[in-house]
Amino acid sequence: MLSLRDEFLGLQERLNGVEIKGLTGTFQFELEGEEEGLYYIIFENGNGKTGEGPIAAPNLTVTMSSKDFRAMLAGELNPMAAFTGGKLKIKGDMSLAMKLQSFL
């Protein structure tokens, strides 16, 4: 099984060639628990780039457990259900938060 770090950075492949029209912004992911880490995705001109570490002044910060994030990536946890169930916390631009489901 891939580490969560490798899975997150592997999102780059999922984002390549996927045009996300009109999406510009920075997402910071603060993952807690067994596989804690700090990751980001930068969207610019419809393209996404993943990376590890803090990013200055993110438009949206997502905080959740690494276990729940892994479930979300696997399609076992809906981002909206995670949010309404208190498993996913958001700080920042809520309109960007609504787009999470389109690329995760």
C-alpha atoms as a PDB file:
ATOM      1  CA  MET A   1       0.000   0.000   0.000  1.00  0.00           C
ATOM      2  CA  LEU A   2       1.271   3.462  -0.914  1.00  0.00           C
ATOM      3  CA  SER A   3       1.987   5.932   1.855  1.00  0.00           C
ATOM      4  CA  LEU A   4      -0.488   8.789   2.098  1.00  0.00           C
ATOM      5  CA  ARG A   5       2.326  11.137   1.066  1.00  0.00           C
ATOM      6  CA  ASP A   6       2.860   9.179  -2.157  1.00  0.00           C
ATOM      7  CA  GLU A   7      -0.888   9.041  -2.766  1.00  0.00           C
ATOM      8  CA  PHE A   8      -1.257  12.790  -2.293  1.00  0.00           C
ATOM      9  CA  LEU A   9       1.673  13.636  -4.528  1.00  0.00           C
ATOM     10  CA  GLY A  10       0.292  11.085  -6.997  1.00  0.00           C
ATOM     11  CA  LEU A  11      -2.799  13.255  -7.337  1.00  0.00           C
ATOM     12  CA  GLN A  12      -0.695  15.186  -9.837  1.00  0.00           C
ATOM     13  CA  GLU A  13      -1.343  12.377 -12.328  1.00  0.00           C
ATOM     14  CA  ARG A  14      -5.083  12.585 -11.653  1.00  0.00           C
ATOM     15  CA  LEU A  15      -4.957  16.338 -12.283  1.00  0.00           C
ATOM     16  CA  ASN A  16      -2.867  16.141 -15.476  1.00  0.00           C
ATOM     17  CA  GLY A  17      -5.046  16.543 -18.491  1.00  0.00           C
ATOM     18  CA  VAL A  18      -8.113  17.258 -16.377  1.00  0.00           C
ATOM     19  CA  GLU A  19      -9.189  20.754 -17.150  1.00  0.00           C
ATOM     20  CA  ILE A  20     -10.905  22.365 -14.230  1.00  0.00           C
ATOM     21  CA  LYS A  21     -12.333  25.415 -15.943  1.00  0.00           C
ATOM     22  CA  GLY A  22     -12.085  28.672 -14.119  1.00  0.00           C
ATOM     23  CA  LEU A  23     -10.448  27.192 -11.033  1.00  0.00           C
ATOM     24  CA  THR A  24      -7.675  29.346  -9.657  1.00  0.00           C
ATOM     25  CA  GLY A  25      -6.602  29.090  -6.053  1.00  0.00           C
ATOM     26  CA  THR A  26      -4.425  27.395  -3.477  1.00  0.00           C
ATOM     27  CA  PHE A  27      -5.553  24.543  -1.246  1.00  0.00           C
ATOM     28  CA  GLN A  28      -3.629  23.633   1.920  1.00  0.00           C
ATOM     29  CA  PHE A  29      -4.341  20.184   3.375  1.00  0.00           C
ATOM     30  CA  GLU A  30      -3.481  19.662   7.047  1.00  0.00           C
ATOM     31  CA  LEU A  31      -3.730  15.947   7.717  1.00  0.00           C
ATOM     32  CA  GLU A  32      -3.676  14.657  11.277  1.00  0.00           C
ATOM     33  CA  GLY A  33      -3.302  11.225  12.832  1.00  0.00           C
ATOM     34  CA  GLU A  34      -1.208   8.226  11.815  1.00  0.00           C
ATOM     35  CA  GLU A  35       0.031   9.737   8.564  1.00  0.00           C
ATOM     36  CA  GLU A  36       0.013  13.402   9.452  1.00  0.00           C
ATOM     37  CA  GLY A  37       1.378  15.834   6.911  1.00  0.00           C
ATOM     38  CA  LEU A  38       1.039  19.192   5.235  1.00  0.00           C
ATOM     39  CA  TYR A  39       0.289  19.209   1.496  1.00  0.00           C
ATOM     40  CA  TYR A  40      -1.016  21.621  -1.108  1.00  0.00           C
ATOM     41  CA  ILE A  41      -2.590  21.869  -4.521  1.00  0.00           C
ATOM     42  CA  ILE A  42      -2.211  25.020  -6.590  1.00  0.00           C
ATOM     43  CA  PHE A  43      -4.716  25.586  -9.394  1.00  0.00           C
ATOM     44  CA  GLU A  44      -3.828  28.080 -12.070  1.00  0.00           C
ATOM     45  CA  ASN A  45      -5.324  28.414 -15.542  1.00  0.00           C
ATOM     46  CA  GLY A  46      -7.255  25.169 -15.107  1.00  0.00           C
ATOM     47  CA  ASN A  47      -4.196  23.075 -14.194  1.00  0.00           C
ATOM     48  CA  GLY A  48      -3.366  21.645 -10.780  1.00  0.00           C
ATOM     49  CA  LYS A  49       0.023  21.091  -9.175  1.00  0.00           C
ATOM     50  CA  THR A  50       0.549  19.115  -5.956  1.00  0.00           C
ATOM     51  CA  GLY A  51       3.302  19.505  -3.396  1.00  0.00           C
ATOM     52  CA  GLU A  52       4.340  18.948   0.196  1.00  0.00           C
ATOM     53  CA  GLY A  53       4.755  21.502   2.950  1.00  0.00           C
ATOM     54  CA  PRO A  54       3.177  24.812   3.903  1.00  0.00           C
ATOM     55  CA  ILE A  55       2.043  27.341   1.329  1.00  0.00           C
ATOM     56  CA  ALA A  56       1.848  31.069   1.994  1.00  0.00           C
ATOM     57  CA  ALA A  57      -1.668  32.480   2.326  1.00  0.00           C
ATOM     58  CA  PRO A  58      -3.757  29.583   0.985  1.00  0.00           C
ATOM     59  CA  ASN A  59      -7.232  30.440  -0.315  1.00  0.00           C
ATOM     60  CA  LEU A  60      -8.612  27.348   1.422  1.00  0.00           C
ATOM     61  CA  THR A  61      -7.295  25.202   4.277  1.00  0.00           C
ATOM     62  CA  VAL A  62      -8.707  21.705   4.716  1.00  0.00           C
ATOM     63  CA  THR A  63      -8.084  19.906   8.019  1.00  0.00           C
ATOM     64  CA  MET A  64      -8.974  16.256   8.513  1.00  0.00           C
ATOM     65  CA  SER A  65      -7.610  12.941   9.713  1.00  0.00           C
ATOM     66  CA  SER A  66      -5.267  11.103   7.381  1.00  0.00           C
ATOM     67  CA  LYS A  67      -7.557   8.048   7.646  1.00  0.00           C
ATOM     68  CA  ASP A  68     -10.587  10.025   6.440  1.00  0.00           C
ATOM     69  CA  PHE A  69      -8.561  11.698   3.697  1.00  0.00           C
ATOM     70  CA  ARG A  70      -7.411   8.303   2.435  1.00  0.00           C
ATOM     71  CA  ALA A  71     -11.073   7.147   2.413  1.00  0.00           C
ATOM     72  CA  MET A  72     -12.025  10.281   0.481  1.00  0.00           C
ATOM     73  CA  LEU A  73      -9.333   9.614  -2.144  1.00  0.00           C
ATOM     74  CA  ALA A  74     -10.564   6.029  -2.494  1.00  0.00           C
ATOM     75  CA  GLY A  75     -14.117   7.272  -3.127  1.00  0.00           C
ATOM     76  CA  GLU A  76     -15.353   5.725   0.117  1.00  0.00           C
ATOM     77  CA  LEU A  77     -16.072   9.076   1.787  1.00  0.00           C
ATOM     78  CA  ASN A  78     -17.944  11.861   0.039  1.00  0.00           C
ATOM     79  CA  PRO A  79     -16.314  15.279   0.707  1.00  0.00           C
ATOM     80  CA  MET A  80     -19.701  16.896   1.408  1.00  0.00           C
ATOM     81  CA  ALA A  81     -20.668  14.098   3.805  1.00  0.00           C
ATOM     82  CA  ALA A  82     -17.273  14.441   5.511  1.00  0.00           C
ATOM     83  CA  PHE A  83     -17.871  18.179   5.942  1.00  0.00           C
ATOM     84  CA  THR A  84     -21.413  17.877   7.259  1.00  0.00           C
ATOM     85  CA  GLY A  85     -20.329  15.033   9.548  1.00  0.00           C
ATOM     86  CA  GLY A  86     -17.548  17.146  11.063  1.00  0.00           C
ATOM     87  CA  LYS A  87     -14.742  14.977   9.648  1.00  0.00           C
ATOM     88  CA  LEU A  88     -13.523  17.722   7.317  1.00  0.00           C
ATOM     89  CA  LYS A  89     -12.929  21.260   8.548  1.00  0.00           C
ATOM     90  CA  ILE A  90     -12.596  24.169   6.165  1.00  0.00           C
ATOM     91  CA  LYS A  91     -11.158  27.632   6.597  1.00  0.00           C
ATOM     92  CA  GLY A  92     -11.247  30.157   3.777  1.00  0.00           C
ATOM     93  CA  ASP A  93     -13.065  30.457   0.455  1.00  0.00           C
ATOM     94  CA  MET A  94     -16.175  28.269   0.645  1.00  0.00           C
ATOM     95  CA  SER A  95     -16.743  28.489  -3.126  1.00  0.00           C
ATOM     96  CA  LEU A  96     -13.407  26.673  -3.579  1.00  0.00           C
ATOM     97  CA  ALA A  97     -14.465  24.114  -0.998  1.00  0.00           C
ATOM     98  CA  MET A  98     -17.472  23.232  -3.147  1.00  0.00           C
ATOM     99  CA  LYS A  99     -15.093  22.220  -5.946  1.00  0.00           C
ATOM    100  CA  LEU A 100     -13.225  19.645  -3.843  1.00  0.00           C
ATOM    101  CA  GLN A 101     -15.476  16.862  -5.027  1.00  0.00           C
ATOM    102  CA  SER A 102     -14.665  17.561  -8.689  1.00  0.00           C
ATOM    103  CA  PHE A 103     -11.000  16.632  -8.349  1.00  0.00           C
ATOM    104  CA  LEU A 104     -10.705  14.327  -5.336  1.00  0.00           C
END
